[in-house]
Amino acid sequence: MKSKLYLIPTTLGESPLEKVLPSYVMDILNEIKIFIVENVRTARRFLVKAKIKTPIDALQFHVLDKHTSEFELSNFLKEIENQNIGLMSEAGCPAVADPGALIVKMAHQKQIQVVPLVGPSSILLSLMASGLNGQNFAFIGYIPIKKPDRIKTIQQLEKRSQIEKQTQIFIETPYRNKQLLDDILQTCQNKTQVCIACNITLDDEYIETKSVQEWKKKQPEIDKKTAIFLIAG
C-alpha cells in the first residue's frame, strides 16, 4: 500500500478535541509515527491531549518553519516510502496561512498522495459567520506593520472590496489587534462593513459584523486575543 502525507488539523485554542475534530482524525493519528510540525512542543502537547496510543517519546518529529531549507524538506519525505507521515500546523489547518504548503507542494512533485483531514479553519469559520460575501473573497494574511504602509494597504483592500464585491480577510499578531482596528476605523468609509472574529471555537468566541460608523461608537476588547478581520465595502 502506497504511503501518504496526511494533513492533520489541530484546535484553534484549548477547546476540547471532540468539539472540532471528527473521530476518524484520532484514528489516523494513532497510525502515524512521524510528524512534520511547526513547533515540536506544541505538537507534542496536542498529541498528548489526543490521547494517542503510541508513547510520545517513541514518535519522530521534523521541524518545518521559516528556517527549514529545501534540502531538509526533501529529506523529510524520503521516510514516506515506508510509512505514512502527518503534517501539523501550530493551530487549525496545515498549509493554509502556514509554511506547510511547501512540503505539500514537494509531495505532489514526488507523486506522493496528499490527504487533507477535516478540522477548524479560522478563515472559513469567520467568513461563514460574517454575513459578508462568501462567493468572492480573498485571504490577505498579515498586512504591513508600519503605519503608512498599513494605511495604504487598508485603503487598497477597501477599494478592491468595493470594485470586485470581494470580502477581504486578514490577520494580525494579537498584541497589535487594537492598533489595527483603530487604523481600519480611521481609514475606511463609515458604510464599510467590518467583521471581527476572536477566539473562534473557544468558550469566549466573539464574532460580530457592523459598519465602521457603528464600530466607532463602541469597540470590543480584542487586545491579545487571536483575531481575524474581514471587510467589505
C-alpha atoms as a PDB file:
ATOM      1  CA  MET A   1       0.000   0.000   0.000  1.00  0.00           C
ATOM      2  CA  LYS A   2       1.388   3.387  -1.026  1.00  0.00           C
ATOM      3  CA  SER A   3       2.237   5.689   1.868  1.00  0.00           C
ATOM      4  CA  LYS A   4       0.500   9.053   2.279  1.00  0.00           C
ATOM      5  CA  LEU A   5       1.068  12.548   3.610  1.00  0.00           C
ATOM      6  CA  TYR A   6      -1.820  13.337   5.968  1.00  0.00           C
ATOM      7  CA  LEU A   7      -2.653  16.992   6.612  1.00  0.00           C
ATOM      8  CA  ILE A   8      -3.750  16.941  10.244  1.00  0.00           C
ATOM      9  CA  PRO A   9      -5.803  19.852  11.630  1.00  0.00           C
ATOM     10  CA  THR A  10      -5.377  20.928  15.240  1.00  0.00           C
ATOM     11  CA  THR A  11      -7.541  23.005  17.553  1.00  0.00           C
ATOM     12  CA  LEU A  12      -7.518  26.807  17.307  1.00  0.00           C
ATOM     13  CA  GLY A  13      -7.041  27.038  21.066  1.00  0.00           C
ATOM     14  CA  GLU A  14      -7.704  24.972  24.155  1.00  0.00           C
ATOM     15  CA  SER A  15     -11.113  23.757  23.019  1.00  0.00           C
ATOM     16  CA  PRO A  16     -11.933  20.049  23.510  1.00  0.00           C
ATOM     17  CA  LEU A  17     -10.772  17.949  20.554  1.00  0.00           C
ATOM     18  CA  GLU A  18     -14.120  16.193  20.237  1.00  0.00           C
ATOM     19  CA  LYS A  19     -15.768  19.583  19.689  1.00  0.00           C
ATOM     20  CA  VAL A  20     -13.861  20.402  16.489  1.00  0.00           C
ATOM     21  CA  LEU A  21     -12.260  17.213  15.147  1.00  0.00           C
ATOM     22  CA  PRO A  22     -14.014  14.109  13.738  1.00  0.00           C
ATOM     23  CA  SER A  23     -13.230  10.806  15.461  1.00  0.00           C
ATOM     24  CA  TYR A  24     -11.588   9.404  12.331  1.00  0.00           C
ATOM     25  CA  VAL A  25      -8.842  12.046  12.659  1.00  0.00           C
ATOM     26  CA  MET A  26      -7.985  10.491  16.013  1.00  0.00           C
ATOM     27  CA  ASP A  27      -7.893   7.045  14.374  1.00  0.00           C
ATOM     28  CA  ILE A  28      -5.399   8.243  11.780  1.00  0.00           C
ATOM     29  CA  LEU A  29      -3.249   9.908  14.453  1.00  0.00           C
ATOM     30  CA  ASN A  30      -2.808   6.505  16.066  1.00  0.00           C
ATOM     31  CA  GLU A  31      -1.386   5.101  12.830  1.00  0.00           C
ATOM     32  CA  ILE A  32       1.322   7.746  12.363  1.00  0.00           C
ATOM     33  CA  LYS A  33       4.773   7.653  13.928  1.00  0.00           C
ATOM     34  CA  ILE A  34       6.470  10.500  12.023  1.00  0.00           C
ATOM     35  CA  PHE A  35       5.239  14.095  12.079  1.00  0.00           C
ATOM     36  CA  ILE A  36       6.307  17.266  10.286  1.00  0.00           C
ATOM     37  CA  VAL A  37       5.447  20.171  12.589  1.00  0.00           C
ATOM     38  CA  GLU A  38       5.959  23.888  13.000  1.00  0.00           C
ATOM     39  CA  ASN A  39       6.763  23.579  16.700  1.00  0.00           C
ATOM     40  CA  VAL A  40       7.646  20.300  18.428  1.00  0.00           C
ATOM     41  CA  ARG A  41       6.480  21.379  21.877  1.00  0.00           C
ATOM     42  CA  THR A  42       3.045  22.421  20.594  1.00  0.00           C
ATOM     43  CA  ALA A  43       2.728  19.238  18.551  1.00  0.00           C
ATOM     44  CA  ARG A  44       3.617  17.003  21.482  1.00  0.00           C
ATOM     45  CA  ARG A  45       1.084  18.798  23.700  1.00  0.00           C
ATOM     46  CA  PHE A  46      -1.637  18.310  21.074  1.00  0.00           C
ATOM     47  CA  LEU A  47      -0.877  14.598  20.678  1.00  0.00           C
ATOM     48  CA  VAL A  48      -0.934  14.083  24.456  1.00  0.00           C
ATOM     49  CA  LYS A  49      -4.318  15.791  24.536  1.00  0.00           C
ATOM     50  CA  ALA A  50      -5.480  13.481  21.727  1.00  0.00           C
ATOM     51  CA  LYS A  51      -4.520  10.516  23.933  1.00  0.00           C
ATOM     52  CA  ILE A  52      -2.778   8.633  21.157  1.00  0.00           C
ATOM     53  CA  LYS A  53      -1.711   5.089  21.907  1.00  0.00           C
ATOM     54  CA  THR A  54       1.944   5.458  20.894  1.00  0.00           C
ATOM     55  CA  PRO A  55       4.193   6.895  23.635  1.00  0.00           C
ATOM     56  CA  ILE A  56       5.157  10.462  22.728  1.00  0.00           C
ATOM     57  CA  ASP A  57       8.874   9.726  23.124  1.00  0.00           C
ATOM     58  CA  ALA A  58       8.553   6.964  20.525  1.00  0.00           C
ATOM     59  CA  LEU A  59       7.436   9.433  17.864  1.00  0.00           C
ATOM     60  CA  GLN A  60       9.693  11.238  15.425  1.00  0.00           C
ATOM     61  CA  PHE A  61       9.317  14.958  14.714  1.00  0.00           C
ATOM     62  CA  HIS A  62      10.716  17.106  11.900  1.00  0.00           C
ATOM     63  CA  VAL A  63      10.510  20.889  12.230  1.00  0.00           C
ATOM     64  CA  LEU A  64       9.154  22.885   9.303  1.00  0.00           C
ATOM     65  CA  ASP A  65       9.363  26.632   9.829  1.00  0.00           C
ATOM     66  CA  LYS A  66      10.805  29.677   8.081  1.00  0.00           C
ATOM     67  CA  HIS A  67      14.343  28.441   8.799  1.00  0.00           C
ATOM     68  CA  THR A  68      13.909  24.995   7.198  1.00  0.00           C
ATOM     69  CA  SER A  69      15.876  24.554   3.957  1.00  0.00           C
ATOM     70  CA  GLU A  70      14.649  22.826   0.784  1.00  0.00           C
ATOM     71  CA  PHE A  71      17.285  20.143   1.327  1.00  0.00           C
ATOM     72  CA  GLU A  72      15.822  19.341   4.746  1.00  0.00           C
ATOM     73  CA  LEU A  73      12.300  19.289   3.299  1.00  0.00           C
ATOM     74  CA  SER A  74      13.346  16.790   0.670  1.00  0.00           C
ATOM     75  CA  ASN A  75      14.840  14.533   3.331  1.00  0.00           C
ATOM     76  CA  PHE A  76      11.622  14.639   5.363  1.00  0.00           C
ATOM     77  CA  LEU A  77       9.719  12.981   2.540  1.00  0.00           C
ATOM     78  CA  LYS A  78      12.230  10.180   1.990  1.00  0.00           C
ATOM     79  CA  GLU A  79      10.780   8.389   5.002  1.00  0.00           C
ATOM     80  CA  ILE A  80       7.322   8.375   3.481  1.00  0.00           C
ATOM     81  CA  GLU A  81       8.366   5.494   1.227  1.00  0.00           C
ATOM     82  CA  ASN A  82       7.967   3.167   4.209  1.00  0.00           C
ATOM     83  CA  GLN A  83       5.146   4.683   6.253  1.00  0.00           C
ATOM     84  CA  ASN A  84       2.605   7.477   6.446  1.00  0.00           C
ATOM     85  CA  ILE A  85       3.646  10.923   7.652  1.00  0.00           C
ATOM     86  CA  GLY A  86       1.491  13.577   9.340  1.00  0.00           C
ATOM     87  CA  LEU A  87       1.801  17.324   8.739  1.00  0.00           C
ATOM     88  CA  MET A  88       0.534  19.597  11.537  1.00  0.00           C
ATOM     89  CA  SER A  89       0.231  23.361  11.916  1.00  0.00           C
ATOM     90  CA  GLU A  90       0.518  25.384  15.110  1.00  0.00           C
ATOM     91  CA  ALA A  91      -3.248  25.880  15.010  1.00  0.00           C
ATOM     92  CA  GLY A  92      -6.017  24.989  12.599  1.00  0.00           C
ATOM     93  CA  CYS A  93      -5.493  23.509   9.147  1.00  0.00           C
ATOM     94  CA  PRO A  94      -1.952  22.928   7.875  1.00  0.00           C
ATOM     95  CA  ALA A  95      -0.709  24.551   4.642  1.00  0.00           C
ATOM     96  CA  VAL A  96      -3.235  27.421   4.905  1.00  0.00           C
ATOM     97  CA  ALA A  97      -1.506  30.610   6.085  1.00  0.00           C
ATOM     98  CA  ASP A  98       1.170  28.169   7.181  1.00  0.00           C
ATOM     99  CA  PRO A  99       4.635  27.061   5.952  1.00  0.00           C
ATOM    100  CA  GLY A 100       3.302  23.511   5.497  1.00  0.00           C
ATOM    101  CA  ALA A 101       2.338  24.434   1.930  1.00  0.00           C
ATOM    102  CA  LEU A 102       5.997  23.920   0.982  1.00  0.00           C
ATOM    103  CA  ILE A 103       6.035  20.258   1.950  1.00  0.00           C
ATOM    104  CA  VAL A 104       2.656  19.670   0.287  1.00  0.00           C
ATOM    105  CA  LYS A 105       3.968  21.140  -2.977  1.00  0.00           C
ATOM    106  CA  MET A 106       7.010  18.907  -2.790  1.00  0.00           C
ATOM    107  CA  ALA A 107       4.837  15.866  -2.079  1.00  0.00           C
ATOM    108  CA  HIS A 108       2.872  16.493  -5.276  1.00  0.00           C
ATOM    109  CA  GLN A 109       6.107  16.833  -7.223  1.00  0.00           C
ATOM    110  CA  LYS A 110       7.196  13.456  -5.883  1.00  0.00           C
ATOM    111  CA  GLN A 111       3.754  11.949  -6.669  1.00  0.00           C
ATOM    112  CA  ILE A 112       3.036  11.265  -3.004  1.00  0.00           C
ATOM    113  CA  GLN A 113      -0.671  11.142  -2.199  1.00  0.00           C
ATOM    114  CA  VAL A 114      -1.769  14.110  -0.082  1.00  0.00           C
ATOM    115  CA  VAL A 115      -4.791  13.536   2.184  1.00  0.00           C
ATOM    116  CA  PRO A 116      -6.417  16.611   3.823  1.00  0.00           C
ATOM    117  CA  LEU A 117      -8.370  15.877   7.002  1.00  0.00           C
ATOM    118  CA  VAL A 118     -11.373  17.825   8.255  1.00  0.00           C
ATOM    119  CA  GLY A 119     -10.809  20.378  11.008  1.00  0.00           C
ATOM    120  CA  PRO A 120     -11.261  24.023  12.013  1.00  0.00           C
ATOM    121  CA  SER A 121     -10.081  26.900   9.807  1.00  0.00           C
ATOM    122  CA  SER A 122     -10.430  30.382  11.278  1.00  0.00           C
ATOM    123  CA  ILE A 123     -10.547  31.812   7.757  1.00  0.00           C
ATOM    124  CA  LEU A 124     -13.586  29.824   6.660  1.00  0.00           C
ATOM    125  CA  LEU A 125     -15.343  29.858  10.031  1.00  0.00           C
ATOM    126  CA  SER A 126     -15.105  33.639  10.301  1.00  0.00           C
ATOM    127  CA  LEU A 127     -16.299  34.075   6.715  1.00  0.00           C
ATOM    128  CA  MET A 128     -19.230  31.728   7.319  1.00  0.00           C
ATOM    129  CA  ALA A 129     -20.296  33.720  10.376  1.00  0.00           C
ATOM    130  CA  SER A 130     -19.667  37.206   8.988  1.00  0.00           C
ATOM    131  CA  GLY A 131     -22.647  37.633   6.708  1.00  0.00           C
ATOM    132  CA  LEU A 132     -20.254  39.091   4.111  1.00  0.00           C
ATOM    133  CA  ASN A 133     -19.765  37.817   0.556  1.00  0.00           C
ATOM    134  CA  GLY A 134     -18.796  34.148   0.710  1.00  0.00           C
ATOM    135  CA  GLN A 135     -18.886  33.736  -3.080  1.00  0.00           C
ATOM    136  CA  ASN A 136     -15.954  36.040  -3.739  1.00  0.00           C
ATOM    137  CA  PHE A 137     -13.297  36.550  -1.081  1.00  0.00           C
ATOM    138  CA  ALA A 138      -9.537  36.857  -0.608  1.00  0.00           C
ATOM    139  CA  PHE A 139      -7.311  35.967   2.313  1.00  0.00           C
ATOM    140  CA  ILE A 140      -4.511  38.520   2.533  1.00  0.00           C
ATOM    141  CA  GLY A 141      -2.665  37.165   5.569  1.00  0.00           C
ATOM    142  CA  TYR A 142      -0.720  39.754   7.562  1.00  0.00           C
ATOM    143  CA  ILE A 143      -0.728  43.353   6.364  1.00  0.00           C
ATOM    144  CA  PRO A 144       2.226  45.751   6.867  1.00  0.00           C
ATOM    145  CA  ILE A 145       3.248  46.757  10.379  1.00  0.00           C
ATOM    146  CA  LYS A 146       4.464  50.287   9.623  1.00  0.00           C
ATOM    147  CA  LYS A 147       1.568  52.706   9.836  1.00  0.00           C
ATOM    148  CA  PRO A 148       1.930  54.478   6.441  1.00  0.00           C
ATOM    149  CA  ASP A 149       2.166  51.142   4.606  1.00  0.00           C
ATOM    150  CA  ARG A 150      -0.665  49.649   6.674  1.00  0.00           C
ATOM    151  CA  ILE A 151      -2.973  52.602   5.965  1.00  0.00           C
ATOM    152  CA  LYS A 152      -2.218  52.351   2.251  1.00  0.00           C
ATOM    153  CA  THR A 153      -2.942  48.608   2.274  1.00  0.00           C
ATOM    154  CA  ILE A 154      -6.242  49.067   4.116  1.00  0.00           C
ATOM    155  CA  GLN A 155      -7.277  51.686   1.550  1.00  0.00           C
ATOM    156  CA  GLN A 156      -6.386  49.316  -1.298  1.00  0.00           C
ATOM    157  CA  LEU A 157      -8.305  46.432   0.268  1.00  0.00           C
ATOM    158  CA  GLU A 158     -11.381  48.575   0.832  1.00  0.00           C
ATOM    159  CA  LYS A 159     -11.281  49.794  -2.771  1.00  0.00           C
ATOM    160  CA  ARG A 160     -10.863  46.230  -4.055  1.00  0.00           C
ATOM    161  CA  SER A 161     -13.813  45.071  -1.969  1.00  0.00           C
ATOM    162  CA  GLN A 162     -15.955  47.839  -3.447  1.00  0.00           C
ATOM    163  CA  ILE A 163     -14.949  47.295  -7.083  1.00  0.00           C
ATOM    164  CA  GLU A 164     -14.879  43.495  -7.086  1.00  0.00           C
ATOM    165  CA  LYS A 165     -17.567  42.913  -4.439  1.00  0.00           C
ATOM    166  CA  GLN A 166     -14.945  40.794  -2.710  1.00  0.00           C
ATOM    167  CA  THR A 167     -14.625  40.186   1.035  1.00  0.00           C
ATOM    168  CA  GLN A 168     -11.092  40.926   2.250  1.00  0.00           C
ATOM    169  CA  ILE A 169      -9.798  38.749   5.103  1.00  0.00           C
ATOM    170  CA  PHE A 170      -6.636  39.418   7.093  1.00  0.00           C
ATOM    171  CA  ILE A 171      -4.995  38.759  10.446  1.00  0.00           C
ATOM    172  CA  GLU A 172      -2.672  40.417  12.910  1.00  0.00           C
ATOM    173  CA  THR A 173      -0.462  39.440  15.817  1.00  0.00           C
ATOM    174  CA  PRO A 174      -2.711  39.508  18.941  1.00  0.00           C
ATOM    175  CA  TYR A 175      -0.886  42.327  20.721  1.00  0.00           C
ATOM    176  CA  ARG A 176      -1.370  44.599  17.662  1.00  0.00           C
ATOM    177  CA  ASN A 177      -5.112  43.931  17.249  1.00  0.00           C
ATOM    178  CA  LYS A 178      -6.223  47.189  18.829  1.00  0.00           C
ATOM    179  CA  GLN A 179      -3.808  49.214  16.729  1.00  0.00           C
ATOM    180  CA  LEU A 180      -5.034  47.543  13.533  1.00  0.00           C
ATOM    181  CA  LEU A 181      -8.695  48.060  14.397  1.00  0.00           C
ATOM    182  CA  ASP A 182      -8.047  51.742  15.134  1.00  0.00           C
ATOM    183  CA  ASP A 183      -6.433  52.138  11.719  1.00  0.00           C
ATOM    184  CA  ILE A 184      -9.320  50.345   9.989  1.00  0.00           C
ATOM    185  CA  LEU A 185     -11.871  52.626  11.642  1.00  0.00           C
ATOM    186  CA  GLN A 186      -9.859  55.765  10.897  1.00  0.00           C
ATOM    187  CA  THR A 187      -9.204  54.801   7.273  1.00  0.00           C
ATOM    188  CA  CYS A 188     -12.323  53.099   5.932  1.00  0.00           C
ATOM    189  CA  GLN A 189     -15.588  54.772   4.925  1.00  0.00           C
ATOM    190  CA  ASN A 190     -18.363  54.807   7.508  1.00  0.00           C
ATOM    191  CA  LYS A 191     -20.543  52.468   5.424  1.00  0.00           C
ATOM    192  CA  THR A 192     -17.853  49.774   5.037  1.00  0.00           C
ATOM    193  CA  GLN A 193     -18.751  46.551   6.827  1.00  0.00           C
ATOM    194  CA  VAL A 194     -16.187  45.120   9.256  1.00  0.00           C
ATOM    195  CA  CYS A 195     -16.359  41.709  10.894  1.00  0.00           C
ATOM    196  CA  ILE A 196     -14.216  40.978  13.935  1.00  0.00           C
ATOM    197  CA  ALA A 197     -13.877  37.320  14.899  1.00  0.00           C
ATOM    198  CA  CYS A 198     -11.972  36.390  18.080  1.00  0.00           C
ATOM    199  CA  ASN A 199     -11.126  33.089  19.759  1.00  0.00           C
ATOM    200  CA  ILE A 200     -13.133  31.054  17.269  1.00  0.00           C
ATOM    201  CA  THR A 201     -14.377  27.670  18.656  1.00  0.00           C
ATOM    202  CA  LEU A 202     -13.403  28.669  22.217  1.00  0.00           C
ATOM    203  CA  ASP A 203     -15.797  29.323  25.103  1.00  0.00           C
ATOM    204  CA  ASP A 204     -15.376  33.102  24.776  1.00  0.00           C
ATOM    205  CA  GLU A 205     -15.797  33.138  20.994  1.00  0.00           C
ATOM    206  CA  TYR A 206     -16.770  36.567  19.677  1.00  0.00           C
ATOM    207  CA  ILE A 207     -17.927  37.227  16.094  1.00  0.00           C
ATOM    208  CA  GLU A 208     -19.741  40.396  15.087  1.00  0.00           C
ATOM    209  CA  THR A 209     -20.213  42.413  11.890  1.00  0.00           C
ATOM    210  CA  LYS A 210     -21.001  46.126  11.920  1.00  0.00           C
ATOM    211  CA  SER A 211     -20.401  49.189   9.791  1.00  0.00           C
ATOM    212  CA  VAL A 212     -17.343  51.322  10.518  1.00  0.00           C
ATOM    213  CA  GLN A 213     -19.702  54.007  11.810  1.00  0.00           C
ATOM    214  CA  GLU A 214     -21.252  51.566  14.286  1.00  0.00           C
ATOM    215  CA  TRP A 215     -17.885  50.231  15.446  1.00  0.00           C
ATOM    216  CA  LYS A 216     -16.701  53.759  16.204  1.00  0.00           C
ATOM    217  CA  LYS A 217     -19.368  54.033  18.905  1.00  0.00           C
ATOM    218  CA  LYS A 218     -18.071  51.023  20.853  1.00  0.00           C
ATOM    219  CA  GLN A 219     -15.150  48.702  20.188  1.00  0.00           C
ATOM    220  CA  PRO A 220     -14.765  45.179  21.597  1.00  0.00           C
ATOM    221  CA  GLU A 221     -11.951  44.098  23.902  1.00  0.00           C
ATOM    222  CA  ILE A 222      -9.698  42.203  21.457  1.00  0.00           C
ATOM    223  CA  ASP A 223      -6.245  43.054  22.763  1.00  0.00           C
ATOM    224  CA  LYS A 224      -4.002  39.966  22.986  1.00  0.00           C
ATOM    225  CA  LYS A 225      -6.734  37.698  21.586  1.00  0.00           C
ATOM    226  CA  THR A 226      -6.446  35.601  18.456  1.00  0.00           C
ATOM    227  CA  ALA A 227      -8.468  37.575  15.933  1.00  0.00           C
ATOM    228  CA  ILE A 228      -9.295  37.702  12.246  1.00  0.00           C
ATOM    229  CA  PHE A 229     -10.682  40.730  10.405  1.00  0.00           C
ATOM    230  CA  LEU A 230     -12.987  40.909   7.370  1.00  0.00           C
ATOM    231  CA  ILE A 231     -14.043  43.991   5.455  1.00  0.00           C
ATOM    232  CA  ALA A 232     -16.462  44.568   2.609  1.00  0.00           C
ATOM    233  CA  GLY A 233     -17.266  47.914   1.040  1.00  0.00           C
END
